[in-house]
C-alpha atoms as a PDB file:
ATOM      1  CA  MET A   1       1.739 -16.465  42.015  1.00  0.00           C
ATOM      2  CA  LYS A   2       3.204 -19.632  40.237  1.00  0.00           C
ATOM      3  CA  LEU A   3       0.391 -19.500  37.728  1.00  0.00           C
ATOM      4  CA  TRP A   4       1.603 -15.812  36.695  1.00  0.00           C
ATOM      5  CA  PHE A   5       5.200 -17.310  36.237  1.00  0.00           C
ATOM      6  CA  VAL A   6       3.959 -20.155  34.083  1.00  0.00           C
ATOM      7  CA  LEU A   7       1.859 -17.882  32.136  1.00  0.00           C
ATOM      8  CA  GLY A   8       4.743 -15.480  31.500  1.00  0.00           C
ATOM      9  CA  THR A   9       6.990 -18.159  30.493  1.00  0.00           C
ATOM     10  CA  PHE A  10       4.214 -19.618  28.060  1.00  0.00           C
ATOM     11  CA  PHE A  11       3.675 -16.152  26.617  1.00  0.00           C
ATOM     12  CA  LEU A  12       7.479 -15.195  26.610  1.00  0.00           C
ATOM     13  CA  GLY A  13       8.246 -18.802  24.373  1.00  0.00           C
ATOM     14  CA  THR A  14       5.370 -18.043  22.315  1.00  0.00           C
ATOM     15  CA  ALA A  15       6.879 -14.469  21.657  1.00  0.00           C
ATOM     16  CA  VAL A  16       9.859 -15.922  20.810  1.00  0.00           C
ATOM     17  CA  LEU A  17       8.285 -18.392  18.157  1.00  0.00           C
ATOM     18  CA  GLY A  18       6.735 -15.345  16.896  1.00  0.00           C
ATOM     19  CA  ILE A  19      10.193 -13.880  15.726  1.00  0.00           C
ATOM     20  CA  ILE A  20      10.022 -16.589  13.083  1.00  0.00           C
ATOM     21  CA  LEU A  21       6.329 -17.456  12.681  1.00  0.00           C
ATOM     22  CA  PRO A  22       4.415 -14.411  11.216  1.00  0.00           C
ATOM     23  CA  VAL A  23       0.940 -15.569  12.692  1.00  0.00           C
ATOM     24  CA  LEU A  24       2.363 -14.823  16.433  1.00  0.00           C
ATOM     25  CA  PRO A  25       2.737 -11.127  17.162  1.00  0.00           C
ATOM     26  CA  THR A  26       5.769 -11.126  19.030  1.00  0.00           C
ATOM     27  CA  THR A  27       5.727  -7.428  20.638  1.00  0.00           C
ATOM     28  CA  PRO A  28       2.225  -8.066  22.255  1.00  0.00           C
ATOM     29  CA  LEU A  29       3.335 -11.193  23.727  1.00  0.00           C
ATOM     30  CA  VAL A  30       6.440 -10.009  25.142  1.00  0.00           C
ATOM     31  CA  LEU A  31       4.430  -7.043  26.919  1.00  0.00           C
ATOM     32  CA  VAL A  32       1.910  -9.798  28.280  1.00  0.00           C
ATOM     33  CA  ALA A  33       4.781 -11.903  29.629  1.00  0.00           C
ATOM     34  CA  ALA A  34       6.445  -8.860  31.127  1.00  0.00           C
ATOM     35  CA  GLY A  35       3.395  -8.097  33.047  1.00  0.00           C
ATOM     36  CA  CYS A  36       2.699 -11.744  34.031  1.00  0.00           C
ATOM     37  CA  PHE A  37       6.789 -11.700  35.441  1.00  0.00           C
ATOM     38  CA  ALA A  38       6.089  -8.173  37.077  1.00  0.00           C
ATOM     39  CA  LYS A  39       3.645 -10.015  39.115  1.00  0.00           C
ATOM     40  CA  SER A  40       5.277 -13.104  40.007  1.00  0.00           C
ATOM     41  CA  SER A  41       9.197 -12.938  39.580  1.00  0.00           C
ATOM     42  CA  PRO A  42      11.086  -9.461  40.264  1.00  0.00           C
ATOM     43  CA  LYS A  43      14.220 -11.598  39.158  1.00  0.00           C
ATOM     44  CA  THR A  44      12.945 -12.794  35.875  1.00  0.00           C
ATOM     45  CA  TYR A  45      10.874  -9.370  35.304  1.00  0.00           C
ATOM     46  CA  ASN A  46      14.381  -7.463  35.722  1.00  0.00           C
ATOM     47  CA  TRP A  47      16.065 -10.094  33.448  1.00  0.00           C
ATOM     48  CA  LEU A  48      13.561  -9.212  30.942  1.00  0.00           C
ATOM     49  CA  LEU A  49      14.092  -5.206  31.504  1.00  0.00           C
ATOM     50  CA  GLU A  50      17.707  -5.796  31.128  1.00  0.00           C
ATOM     51  CA  SER A  51      17.849  -7.674  27.701  1.00  0.00           C
ATOM     52  CA  GLU A  52      18.966  -6.188  24.665  1.00  0.00           C
ATOM     53  CA  GLN A  53      16.252  -7.773  22.725  1.00  0.00           C
ATOM     54  CA  PHE A  54      13.300  -7.166  24.829  1.00  0.00           C
ATOM     55  CA  GLY A  55      14.110  -4.551  27.491  1.00  0.00           C
ATOM     56  CA  PRO A  56      13.892  -1.112  25.235  1.00  0.00           C
ATOM     57  CA  LEU A  57      10.345  -2.466  23.931  1.00  0.00           C
ATOM     58  CA  ILE A  58       9.270  -2.795  27.418  1.00  0.00           C
ATOM     59  CA  LYS A  59      10.589   0.336  28.850  1.00  0.00           C
ATOM     60  CA  ASN A  60       8.990   2.286  26.090  1.00  0.00           C
ATOM     61  CA  TRP A  61       5.745   0.608  26.331  1.00  0.00           C
ATOM     62  CA  GLU A  62       5.773   1.235  30.565  1.00  0.00           C
ATOM     63  CA  ALA A  63       6.642   4.726  29.896  1.00  0.00           C
ATOM     64  CA  ASN A  64       4.661   5.649  26.655  1.00  0.00           C
ATOM     65  CA  ARG A  65       2.233   2.689  25.989  1.00  0.00           C
ATOM     66  CA  CYS A  66       3.428   2.936  22.498  1.00  0.00           C
ATOM     67  CA  ILE A  67       5.678   0.926  20.071  1.00  0.00           C
ATOM     68  CA  PRO A  68       7.860   2.451  17.257  1.00  0.00           C
ATOM     69  CA  LEU A  69       6.338   2.755  13.846  1.00  0.00           C
ATOM     70  CA  LYS A  70       9.212   0.957  12.218  1.00  0.00           C
ATOM     71  CA  ILE A  71       8.421  -2.133  14.472  1.00  0.00           C
ATOM     72  CA  LYS A  72       4.945  -1.876  13.300  1.00  0.00           C
ATOM     73  CA  ARG A  73       5.899  -1.488   9.897  1.00  0.00           C
ATOM     74  CA  LEU A  74       8.275  -4.659  10.093  1.00  0.00           C
ATOM     75  CA  ALA A  75       5.697  -6.691  11.752  1.00  0.00           C
ATOM     76  CA  MET A  76       3.156  -6.147   9.077  1.00  0.00           C
ATOM     77  CA  THR A  77       5.625  -6.814   6.233  1.00  0.00           C
ATOM     78  CA  MET A  78       6.435 -10.199   8.198  1.00  0.00           C
ATOM     79  CA  ILE A  79       2.633 -10.856   8.318  1.00  0.00           C
ATOM     80  CA  VAL A  80       1.808 -10.171   4.636  1.00  0.00           C
ATOM     81  CA  LEU A  81       5.008 -11.679   3.189  1.00  0.00           C
ATOM     82  CA  PHE A  82       5.895 -15.100   5.090  1.00  0.00           C
ATOM     83  CA  GLY A  83       2.093 -15.275   6.278  1.00  0.00           C
ATOM     84  CA  GLY A  84       0.844 -14.523   2.956  1.00  0.00           C
ATOM     85  CA  SER A  85       3.268 -16.994   1.256  1.00  0.00           C
ATOM     86  CA  SER A  86       2.796 -19.584   3.885  1.00  0.00           C
ATOM     87  CA  VAL A  87      -1.031 -19.780   3.268  1.00  0.00           C
ATOM     88  CA  ILE A  88      -0.464 -19.658  -0.621  1.00  0.00           C
ATOM     89  CA  PHE A  89       2.234 -22.348  -0.932  1.00  0.00           C
ATOM     90  CA  PHE A  90       1.756 -24.668   2.077  1.00  0.00           C
ATOM     91  CA  VAL A  91      -1.989 -24.695   2.836  1.00  0.00           C
ATOM     92  CA  SER A  92      -3.998 -26.645   0.367  1.00  0.00           C
ATOM     93  CA  VAL A  93      -7.673 -26.836   2.210  1.00  0.00           C
ATOM     94  CA  ILE A  94      -9.679 -24.091   1.315  1.00  0.00           C
ATOM     95  CA  TRP A  95     -11.260 -23.805   4.893  1.00  0.00           C
ATOM     96  CA  ALA A  96      -7.814 -23.657   6.331  1.00  0.00           C
ATOM     97  CA  LYS A  97      -6.607 -21.132   4.009  1.00  0.00           C
ATOM     98  CA  VAL A  98      -9.350 -18.739   4.975  1.00  0.00           C
ATOM     99  CA  ALA A  99      -8.790 -19.423   8.633  1.00  0.00           C
ATOM    100  CA  ALA A 100      -5.136 -18.695   8.369  1.00  0.00           C
ATOM    101  CA  LEU A 101      -5.821 -15.509   6.341  1.00  0.00           C
ATOM    102  CA  ALA A 102      -8.407 -14.675   9.066  1.00  0.00           C
ATOM    103  CA  LEU A 103      -5.749 -14.958  11.871  1.00  0.00           C
ATOM    104  CA  LEU A 104      -3.125 -13.009   9.808  1.00  0.00           C
ATOM    105  CA  ALA A 105      -5.540 -10.208   9.190  1.00  0.00           C
ATOM    106  CA  TYR A 106      -6.641 -10.065  12.823  1.00  0.00           C
ATOM    107  CA  GLY A 107      -2.965 -10.065  13.850  1.00  0.00           C
ATOM    108  CA  GLY A 108      -2.260  -7.551  11.646  1.00  0.00           C
ATOM    109  CA  TRP A 109      -5.351  -5.574  12.533  1.00  0.00           C
ATOM    110  CA  TYR A 110      -4.252  -5.817  16.313  1.00  0.00           C
ATOM    111  CA  VAL A 111      -0.832  -5.029  15.723  1.00  0.00           C
ATOM    112  CA  TRP A 112      -1.955  -1.738  13.753  1.00  0.00           C
ATOM    113  CA  GLN A 113      -4.055  -0.588  16.719  1.00  0.00           C
ATOM    114  CA  ILE A 114      -1.351  -0.090  19.046  1.00  0.00           C
ATOM    115  CA  PRO A 115      -0.300   3.478  19.135  1.00  0.00           C
ATOM    116  CA  SER A 116       2.642   4.330  17.676  1.00  0.00           C
ATOM    117  CA  CYS A 117       5.612   6.280  19.451  1.00  0.00           C
ATOM    118  CA  VAL A 118       6.972   9.461  17.967  1.00  0.00           C
ATOM    119  CA  GLU A 119      10.436   8.560  16.623  1.00  0.00           C
END
């Protein structure tokens, strides 16, 4: 039980970082955190469900197993603009550029593979 709570806290913290860091896909991390909290802490899980930021996303995922297309587009835009510009302007070593671009590409592919909700 405590392991699920620790994992949920880790994934939620990483998701919050993903709001500002383009390499981290926020939506899947929030969903994983919610799953961990559902197994370990009903109080924390309910807190997430009631939050204005994450609640609608989790409820929609549980009901339909999809995310809104506008969220996908926003995620892809952030990955390309912020991730791409970070690699171009702040990474000077070629192997690190390739690794960062590979991570960005994987993150983009992963987000795009999640089914889109009909809006």
